[in-house]
Protein backbone atom coordinates (compact mmCIF):
# COMPACT_ATOMS: atom_id res chain seq x y z
CA MET A 1 115.62 138.99 49.73
CA LYS A 2 112.58 140.64 47.60
CA LYS A 3 110.47 138.27 49.52
CA ASN A 4 111.71 139.57 53.17
CA ILE A 5 111.47 142.84 52.31
CA THR A 6 107.87 142.35 51.25
CA LEU A 7 106.93 140.62 54.33
CA LEU A 8 108.06 143.10 56.43
CA PHE A 9 106.10 145.91 54.59
CA LEU A 10 103.17 143.51 54.90
CA MET A 11 103.86 143.35 58.60
CA SER A 12 104.65 146.88 58.79
CA ILE A 13 101.39 147.62 57.31
CA TYR A 14 99.57 145.63 59.72
CA ILE A 15 100.83 147.05 62.58
CA LEU A 16 100.09 150.09 62.06
CA THR A 17 96.68 149.48 60.61
CA SER A 18 96.24 147.63 63.84
CA ALA A 19 97.47 150.73 66.07
CA GLN A 20 95.09 153.14 64.34
CA SER A 21 91.93 150.51 64.83
CA ASN A 22 92.89 150.71 68.36
CA ASN A 23 93.02 154.67 68.70
CA TYR A 24 89.85 154.72 66.94
CA ASN A 25 87.88 152.23 69.53
CA GLN A 26 89.95 154.29 72.28
CA GLU A 27 88.97 157.59 71.41
CA LEU A 28 85.53 157.21 70.82
CA LEU A 29 85.08 154.84 74.02
CA ASP A 30 87.02 158.21 75.39
CA LEU A 31 84.33 160.34 73.68
CA ILE A 32 81.40 158.23 75.42
CA SER A 33 82.13 159.05 78.95
CA THR A 34 81.84 162.91 77.94
CA LYS A 35 78.00 162.01 76.68
CA ARG A 36 78.73 165.07 74.34
CA TRP A 37 76.49 163.06 72.45
CA PHE A 38 76.72 164.99 68.91
CA GLU A 39 80.51 164.81 68.75
CA ILE A 40 79.97 161.17 69.74
CA ASP A 41 77.69 160.59 66.85
CA ARG A 42 79.86 162.79 64.57
CA TYR A 43 83.18 160.63 65.20
CA TYR A 44 81.30 157.10 65.15
CA ASN A 45 79.92 157.77 61.49
CA GLU A 46 83.24 159.66 60.44
CA HIS A 47 84.88 156.56 61.44
CA LYS A 48 82.69 153.55 61.70
CA ASP A 49 84.94 151.67 59.15
CA SER A 50 87.93 151.53 61.84
CA ILE A 51 86.31 151.16 64.90
CA ASP A 52 86.09 147.35 65.33
CA ASP A 53 85.99 146.59 68.77
CA GLU A 54 82.44 144.87 69.41
CA PHE A 55 82.64 146.40 73.42
CA VAL A 56 83.28 149.73 71.90
CA LYS A 57 80.21 149.01 69.16
CA LEU A 58 77.75 147.96 71.70
CA LEU A 59 78.55 150.40 74.12
CA TYR A 60 77.73 153.11 71.73
CA ILE A 61 74.44 151.56 70.72
CA ALA A 62 73.91 151.28 74.33
CA GLU A 63 74.75 154.79 75.65
CA THR A 64 73.33 156.78 72.58
CA GLY A 65 70.14 155.04 72.33
CA ILE A 66 68.19 157.16 75.07
CA ALA A 67 69.52 160.22 73.88
CA PHE A 68 68.77 159.50 70.21
CA ASN A 69 64.98 158.46 70.90
CA HIS A 70 66.01 154.63 70.36
CA PRO A 71 65.91 153.15 73.80
CA ALA A 72 64.34 149.85 72.08
CA GLN A 73 68.08 149.41 70.54
CA SER A 74 69.64 150.33 74.22
CA ILE A 75 68.42 148.02 75.80
CA ASP A 76 69.37 145.76 73.28
CA ALA A 77 72.74 146.30 73.67
CA TYR A 78 73.25 146.52 77.44
CA GLU A 79 71.74 143.30 77.19
CA GLN A 80 74.62 141.85 74.58
CA LEU A 81 77.08 143.53 77.13
CA LEU A 82 75.50 141.43 79.87
CA ASP A 83 75.85 138.04 78.03
CA LYS A 84 78.74 138.24 76.01
CA ASN A 85 80.86 140.17 78.98
CA LEU A 86 83.78 141.41 76.24
CA SER A 87 85.49 142.58 79.01
CA ASN A 88 85.74 139.67 80.98
CA MET A 89 84.80 141.45 84.31
CA ASN A 90 83.45 139.24 87.17
CA SER A 91 79.95 138.75 87.72
CA PRO A 92 79.67 142.20 90.52
CA ALA A 93 81.31 144.68 87.98
CA LEU A 94 79.38 143.24 85.24
CA ILE A 95 75.84 143.84 87.10
CA GLY A 96 77.05 147.22 88.04
CA ARG A 97 78.30 148.42 84.82
CA PHE A 98 75.43 147.61 82.80
CA GLY A 99 72.86 146.14 85.10
CA GLN A 100 71.64 149.39 86.48
CA ALA A 101 71.76 151.31 83.33
CA LEU A 102 69.42 148.44 82.10
CA VAL A 103 66.99 148.58 84.80
CA ASP A 104 66.70 152.35 84.99
CA ILE A 105 65.84 151.89 81.39
CA CYS A 106 63.10 149.22 81.75
CA ILE A 107 61.06 151.53 84.59
CA ASN A 108 61.58 155.04 82.49
CA GLU A 109 60.08 153.38 79.26
CA GLN A 110 57.48 151.11 81.11
CA GLU A 111 59.08 148.07 79.68
CA PHE A 112 58.10 146.09 83.25
CA ALA A 113 58.12 142.33 81.33
CA ARG A 114 61.40 142.89 79.92
CA GLY A 115 62.83 144.23 82.83
CA GLU A 116 61.65 141.21 84.77
CA VAL A 117 63.15 138.63 82.25
CA LEU A 118 66.62 140.56 82.36
CA CYS A 119 66.76 140.62 86.29
CA LYS A 120 66.31 136.93 86.11
CA LYS A 121 68.93 136.63 83.98
CA MET A 122 71.41 138.90 86.00
CA ILE A 123 70.70 136.54 89.05
CA THR A 124 72.00 133.24 87.00
CA ILE A 125 74.99 135.34 85.74
CA LEU A 126 75.62 136.04 89.72
CA GLN A 127 74.51 132.36 90.91
CA ASN A 128 77.04 130.84 88.12
CA ASP A 129 79.82 133.07 89.69
CA THR A 130 81.67 130.84 92.11
CA THR A 131 84.05 132.98 92.87
CA ASN A 132 82.59 136.03 94.42
CA GLU A 133 80.33 136.96 96.88
CA VAL A 134 77.00 137.86 95.65
CA THR A 135 74.22 136.80 97.96
CA SER A 136 72.89 141.02 98.71
CA LEU A 137 73.18 141.30 94.87
CA VAL A 138 71.01 138.34 93.77
CA GLN A 139 68.73 139.64 97.04
CA ASP A 140 68.29 142.83 95.73
CA LEU A 141 67.69 141.94 91.89
CA GLY A 142 65.16 139.34 93.72
CA THR A 143 62.89 141.97 95.04
CA LEU A 144 63.14 143.80 91.84
CA VAL A 145 62.03 140.95 89.82
CA GLU A 146 58.95 141.01 92.07
CA GLN A 147 58.44 145.47 91.66
CA PHE A 148 58.40 144.73 88.03
CA LYS A 149 55.87 142.32 88.06
CA GLY A 150 53.39 144.24 90.56
CA TRP A 151 54.10 147.35 88.12
CA GLU A 152 53.32 145.07 85.05
CA ASN A 153 49.73 144.29 86.71
CA GLU A 154 49.67 147.60 88.00
CA THR A 155 50.73 150.46 85.61
CA THR A 156 48.71 151.93 82.76
CA THR A 157 51.04 152.28 80.27
CA LEU A 158 50.92 154.91 77.24
CA GLU A 159 49.70 153.85 74.36
CA ILE A 160 49.78 155.39 70.66
CA ILE A 161 47.70 153.87 67.41
CA ASP A 162 48.43 155.13 64.39
CA HIS A 163 44.89 154.80 62.33
CA ASN A 164 46.86 155.47 59.25
CA PRO A 165 50.24 155.21 58.49
CA ARG A 166 50.18 156.22 54.92
CA CYS A 167 48.18 159.28 55.49
CA THR A 168 49.92 162.58 57.01
CA GLY A 169 47.24 163.19 58.94
CA GLU A 170 46.83 166.92 58.75
CA VAL A 171 45.36 169.55 61.40
CA GLN A 172 44.66 173.16 61.07
CA LEU A 173 46.64 175.36 63.51
CA ILE A 174 45.09 178.10 65.56
CA PRO A 175 46.34 181.02 64.09
CA ASN A 176 48.36 182.56 66.62
CA LYS A 177 50.68 185.39 65.07
CA PRO A 178 51.75 187.56 68.03
CA ASP A 179 53.67 184.47 70.22
CA ASN A 180 54.43 182.05 67.51
CA GLY A 181 52.84 179.62 69.40
CA ILE A 182 51.68 175.97 67.88
CA TYR A 183 48.47 175.59 69.09
CA PHE A 184 45.63 173.31 67.69
CA ASN A 185 42.27 171.58 68.74
CA THR A 186 42.41 167.93 70.08
CA LYS A 187 39.91 165.43 72.22
CA TRP A 188 40.95 164.91 75.13
CA ASN A 189 38.76 161.99 76.75
CA SER A 190 36.43 163.21 73.81
CA VAL A 191 36.46 167.27 75.16
CA ASN A 192 38.22 169.67 72.46
CA LEU A 193 41.15 171.70 74.48
CA ARG A 194 43.33 174.06 72.65
CA THR A 195 46.50 172.23 72.70
CA HIS A 196 49.61 173.75 72.93
CA PHE A 197 52.71 172.07 71.14
CA ASP A 198 55.93 172.44 73.60
CA THR A 199 58.91 170.96 73.34
CA GLY A 200 59.80 172.72 76.25
CA ALA A 201 57.62 170.88 78.64
CA ASN A 202 59.17 167.50 79.55
CA VAL A 203 55.58 166.52 80.98
CA ASN A 204 52.00 166.73 79.32
CA TYR A 205 50.60 169.45 81.85
CA ILE A 206 47.34 171.14 82.88
CA SER A 207 47.88 174.81 84.57
CA LYS A 208 44.47 174.87 85.59
CA LYS A 209 42.16 172.90 88.12
CA ALA A 210 39.30 173.40 86.52
CA ILE A 211 40.70 172.27 82.69
CA ALA A 212 41.32 168.51 84.40
CA GLU A 213 37.84 168.30 86.28
CA LYS A 214 36.40 169.26 82.49
CA ILE A 215 37.87 165.84 81.12
CA GLY A 216 37.95 163.67 83.95
CA VAL A 217 41.29 163.59 84.53
CA LYS A 218 42.26 160.49 86.78
CA LEU A 219 44.35 161.78 89.65
CA ASN A 220 46.23 160.71 92.20
CA ILE A 221 45.57 162.36 95.09
CA ALA A 222 48.22 160.73 97.36
CA ASP A 223 51.08 162.30 96.30
CA THR A 224 51.96 166.09 95.97
CA ILE A 225 54.85 166.28 93.18
CA LEU A 226 56.67 168.98 92.38
CA LEU A 227 57.72 170.09 89.01
CA ASN A 228 60.00 173.03 87.52
CA ASN A 229 62.59 172.69 90.32
CA GLY A 230 60.33 172.58 93.08
CA SER A 231 58.04 175.79 92.02
CA ILE A 232 55.25 174.60 91.20
CA LYS A 233 53.14 171.97 92.95
CA VAL A 234 51.55 169.13 90.64
CA LEU A 235 49.35 166.01 90.87
CA LYS A 236 49.63 163.13 88.41
CA GLY A 237 46.85 161.74 86.81
CA ILE A 238 45.99 159.86 83.33
CA VAL A 239 43.90 160.80 80.72
CA ASP A 240 42.06 157.43 78.94
CA SER A 241 42.52 159.10 75.55
CA LEU A 242 43.73 161.74 73.31
CA THR A 243 43.36 162.08 69.74
CA PHE A 244 44.35 164.51 66.68
CA GLY A 245 45.16 163.95 63.14
CA LYS A 246 45.48 160.31 62.75
CA PHE A 247 46.42 159.31 65.95
CA CYS A 248 44.67 157.54 69.28
CA ILE A 249 46.60 157.63 72.09
CA LYS A 250 46.01 156.10 75.28
CA ASN A 251 46.41 156.48 79.15
CA VAL A 252 48.43 159.58 78.51
CA PRO A 253 49.94 160.80 82.00
CA VAL A 254 49.36 164.61 82.56
CA PHE A 255 50.09 166.47 85.66
CA VAL A 256 47.95 169.34 87.19
CA ASN A 257 49.12 172.29 88.70
CA ILE A 258 46.94 172.11 91.69
CA LYS A 259 47.93 176.03 93.54
CA ASP A 260 45.93 179.07 92.77
CA ILE A 261 47.42 182.53 92.00
CA ASP A 262 46.84 185.14 93.97
CA PRO A 263 44.16 187.69 92.59
CA ASN A 264 45.77 190.80 94.59
CA ASP A 265 48.76 190.48 92.60
CA HIS A 266 48.83 192.11 88.78
CA HIS A 267 51.64 189.98 87.55
CA GLN A 268 49.73 186.67 88.18
CA VAL A 269 46.52 187.68 87.19
CA MET A 270 47.62 189.03 84.13
CA TYR A 271 50.20 185.97 82.85
CA ASP A 272 46.78 183.79 84.02
CA SER A 273 44.89 185.44 81.38
CA ILE A 274 47.38 185.02 78.95
CA LEU A 275 47.64 181.37 79.45
CA THR A 276 43.83 181.00 79.62
CA SER A 277 43.33 183.14 76.34
CA ASN A 278 45.95 180.68 74.02
CA PHE A 279 45.52 177.29 75.51
CA ASP A 280 44.22 174.60 77.71
CA ILE A 281 46.27 171.86 78.05
CA VAL A 282 50.58 171.18 76.87
CA LEU A 283 51.34 168.70 75.05
CA GLY A 284 54.67 167.95 76.08
CA MET A 285 57.66 165.58 75.40
CA PRO A 286 56.47 162.20 76.45
CA VAL A 287 53.91 162.13 73.00
CA ILE A 288 55.44 164.35 71.26
CA LYS A 289 58.78 162.13 70.81
CA LYS A 290 56.82 159.40 70.03
CA LEU A 291 55.10 160.65 66.68
CA GLY A 292 57.33 160.47 64.40
CA VAL A 293 58.01 162.91 61.91
CA ILE A 294 56.25 166.12 62.53
CA GLU A 295 55.72 168.94 59.51
CA PHE A 296 54.43 172.13 60.45
CA ASN A 297 53.38 174.76 57.25
CA PHE A 298 53.37 178.03 58.34
CA GLU A 299 51.70 179.51 54.76
CA LYS A 300 49.14 176.85 55.09
CA ASN A 301 48.80 177.24 59.17
CA THR A 302 48.78 173.13 59.06
CA MET A 303 50.03 170.23 61.14
CA SER A 304 51.20 166.95 59.63
CA PHE A 305 52.63 163.84 59.82
CA PRO A 306 54.34 162.69 56.55
CA LYS A 307 55.54 159.17 56.70
CA SER A 308 59.60 160.21 56.30
CA ASN A 309 61.64 163.03 56.25
CA LEU A 310 63.88 163.30 53.14
CA SER A 311 66.42 165.71 54.18
CA PHE A 312 68.53 163.41 56.34
CA ASN A 313 71.24 165.69 56.77
CA LYS A 314 72.51 164.81 60.31
CA ARG A 315 71.35 164.43 63.61
CA ASN A 316 71.07 168.24 65.50
CA LEU A 317 68.37 166.76 68.33
CA TYR A 318 69.10 164.96 71.50
CA LEU A 319 67.06 164.09 74.83
CA SER A 320 68.36 164.26 77.94
CA GLY A 321 66.69 162.23 80.71
CA SER A 322 64.06 160.54 78.40
CA SER A 323 60.97 158.57 79.72
CA PRO A 324 57.35 158.25 78.86
CA ILE A 325 56.10 160.03 82.01
CA SER A 326 59.12 162.22 81.87
CA GLY A 327 59.67 162.76 78.16
CA GLY A 328 63.31 164.32 78.31
CA ASN A 329 64.55 168.01 77.93
CA LEU A 330 65.49 168.57 73.90
CA TYR A 331 68.42 169.55 72.89
CA MET A 332 69.45 171.14 69.36
CA ASN A 333 72.83 172.29 68.24
CA ILE A 334 73.20 175.10 65.80
CA LYS A 335 75.59 177.10 64.41
CA ILE A 336 76.47 180.70 65.19
CA ASP A 337 79.72 181.66 63.27
CA ASN A 338 80.27 178.12 62.09
CA GLY A 339 80.58 177.14 66.34
CA ASP A 340 78.54 174.72 67.64
CA PHE A 341 76.02 176.47 70.06
CA LEU A 342 74.18 173.85 71.86
CA THR A 343 70.27 175.32 73.01
CA PHE A 344 67.71 174.23 75.17
CA PHE A 345 64.77 174.15 72.57
CA ASP A 346 61.63 175.36 73.84
CA THR A 347 59.30 175.50 71.52
CA GLY A 348 56.67 176.97 73.82
CA GLY A 349 58.63 179.66 75.03
CA LYS A 350 57.71 182.91 73.45
CA ALA A 351 61.27 183.84 72.92
CA GLY A 352 64.14 183.97 70.29
CA LEU A 353 67.50 183.22 70.61
CA PHE A 354 69.22 183.31 74.36
CA ILE A 355 73.00 183.46 74.86
CA ASN A 356 74.30 182.19 77.99
CA THR A 357 77.82 183.67 79.37
CA ASP A 358 79.83 181.04 78.57
CA PHE A 359 79.21 181.22 75.00
CA TYR A 360 79.70 185.04 74.63
CA GLU A 361 82.85 185.13 76.11
CA LYS A 362 84.41 182.47 73.90
CA HIS A 363 82.38 184.03 70.82
CA LYS A 364 81.85 187.83 71.87
CA GLN A 365 84.09 188.94 68.67
CA TYR A 366 81.37 188.05 66.53
CA ILE A 367 78.22 188.68 68.45
CA TRP A 368 77.46 192.42 68.86
CA ARG A 369 75.40 193.19 71.79
CA GLU A 370 74.07 197.06 72.75
CA PRO A 371 75.59 198.54 75.77
CA GLN A 372 73.01 199.18 78.10
CA ALA A 373 71.21 196.04 80.08
CA THR A 374 67.41 195.95 80.67
CA LEU A 375 65.23 193.84 83.05
CA HIS A 376 63.33 190.85 81.27
CA GLU A 377 60.39 189.18 83.69
CA GLY A 378 58.61 186.19 82.29
CA ALA A 379 57.21 183.03 83.97
CA VAL A 380 57.45 179.58 83.59
CA GLY A 381 54.83 176.64 84.26
CA GLY A 382 52.13 178.60 85.56
CA ALA A 383 50.90 182.26 86.76
CA ASN A 384 51.27 181.57 90.46
CA GLU A 385 54.14 183.39 92.33
CA GLU A 386 56.92 181.15 92.29
CA CYS A 387 56.82 180.46 88.84
CA HIS A 388 58.40 183.88 88.04
CA TYR A 389 61.52 184.88 87.22
CA SER A 390 63.69 188.07 86.19
CA ARG A 391 66.96 188.46 84.84
CA TYR A 392 68.92 191.46 83.14
CA GLU A 393 70.36 190.95 79.49
CA TYR A 394 71.91 192.76 76.84
CA LYS A 395 69.39 192.92 73.77
CA CYS A 396 71.17 191.91 70.35
CA PRO A 397 69.84 194.10 67.55
CA LYS A 398 70.49 190.82 65.15
CA ILE A 399 72.57 187.43 64.85
CA GLU A 400 72.80 184.99 62.10
CA ILE A 401 72.12 181.58 63.05
CA GLN A 402 72.68 177.85 60.89
CA VAL A 403 70.00 175.28 61.27
CA GLN A 404 71.55 172.17 59.49
CA ASP A 405 72.41 173.90 56.00
CA LYS A 406 70.25 177.06 56.33
CA LYS A 407 71.16 179.83 57.33
CA VAL A 408 68.88 182.43 59.64
CA MET A 409 69.16 186.51 60.17
CA MET A 410 67.38 186.78 63.54
CA ILE A 411 66.47 190.19 63.98
CA ASN A 412 65.62 192.07 67.65
CA ASP A 413 64.99 188.58 68.37
CA CYS A 414 68.26 187.39 70.78
CA ALA A 415 69.61 188.52 73.90
CA VAL A 416 73.31 187.92 75.99
CA ALA A 417 73.10 187.24 79.75
CA ILE A 418 75.11 190.10 81.53
CA ASP A 419 76.31 187.66 83.80
CA LYS A 420 76.06 183.89 84.65
CA GLU A 421 73.70 184.90 87.43
CA ASN A 422 71.39 185.93 85.05
CA ASP A 423 72.21 183.07 82.34
CA ASP A 424 68.64 180.98 81.17
CA LYS A 425 68.72 178.60 84.04
CA LEU A 426 66.87 176.16 81.35
CA GLY A 427 69.55 176.66 78.72
CA THR A 428 73.24 175.41 78.60
CA ALA A 429 76.11 176.49 79.26
CA GLU A 430 77.85 175.83 76.22
CA GLY A 431 75.12 177.79 74.03
CA GLY A 432 71.44 179.08 75.70
CA ASN A 433 68.01 178.95 74.98
CA LEU A 434 65.75 179.24 72.09
CA GLY A 435 62.14 179.84 71.62
CA ASN A 436 59.57 179.88 69.17
CA GLU A 437 60.30 182.95 67.19
CA ILE A 438 62.66 181.03 65.09
CA PHE A 439 58.75 179.66 63.64
CA LYS A 440 58.59 183.18 62.11
CA TYR A 441 61.49 182.94 60.13
CA CYS A 442 60.06 179.81 58.67
CA LYS A 443 57.72 178.53 55.83
CA LYS A 444 58.04 175.10 57.15
CA ALA A 445 59.50 173.58 59.89
CA VAL A 446 59.94 169.24 60.77
CA PHE A 447 61.00 167.72 63.65
CA ASP A 448 62.08 163.93 62.93
CA PHE A 449 61.90 162.28 66.01
CA ASN A 450 63.00 158.79 64.22
CA ASN A 451 66.63 160.45 62.73
CA MET A 452 66.48 163.10 65.63
CA GLU A 453 66.76 165.69 63.33
CA PHE A 454 65.33 169.47 63.40
CA SER A 455 65.11 171.24 59.83
CA ILE A 456 63.32 174.74 58.25
CA GLU A 457 62.60 175.70 55.07
């Protein structure tokens, strides 16, 4: 009798444990579909010992790899999902589910040789499936094979060379207290330029054609490209070399604004004067995200590149739409009164914290704003008319935010949209936008793009 009771007890534990495991797997699977990356990452790390479904684990790595700046891991995981076919899909469904994502990453990350190999592998998978009509898919993949070959031969790819991994490569910043922007001197094609460190820029950008001519940018004059929701007309170009600190960077993609300002427009002339006085060129996310750990010491006024960041709190940064050409938008999770605030993080924006309508409506009991709205005017990306914007906002005299485990009381550096029409279009609905005013509260600030963490002192 005792044996039977023990056996039943062990069986019930096994069934209960299996059910819990299945729940964890399914809950993570459901979360992945939302693309709420911080929640997904938090859930996985809290329950990873209970997540035992290999398909779910591989899908987690594949889907989060781009967001958390590990594209190579993402490619590897997607390839395993193809090879193992853990859900027993037919070949067209398998290629449709994972093949397109693989192709997109290989194109965006300029992994052309890898893309060619993977397309050939997908053709083999399709040809070995005798139960489905796959001719058109095989033809499409065959075309992609040839395209990858062409891109591999014709495309100059971004290359970052770390000359001394043991060295911090300290760079002196150009003092600029009025707007808290981060500026430093770098050599672009051996020409010294005042460079702006701008996490809000998903491209490397030159706002004046004269600068591009000065450093000898190789421009593709055949195609005009529209940036900033169509407000800026640019040409794409390549800078052969960029050097600063311990880095030499080859084949740097840049975009050059080709539209001149109207000399009779006071606002355009004024903003152009501000741009010209502060910097020559924008260093954006295509390069920034590949520099590893970047430490700013605002007491010494330096930028350095230590080998590792010892904080390892937890991920609070992610990238959206990332590639070496378009480096992706950078988002950060902070807290306001212990509520998660997802913000577009723009070190190139002369602004503090801007709170969009949706977040304010959910948390307004903790956010005091002035009763009278004011008009705010600015510009994004250039001085010409199309780059200018205006919105109505309420000033917020003070607000406490939390970055990782550090709390900051921001004074007269916060604003709230008066309605959805006046939201910051670059900001998120579940938060808003954070600009470089945050730095005036910091002794140090560290971007760790290996672990996707931002921390302050």
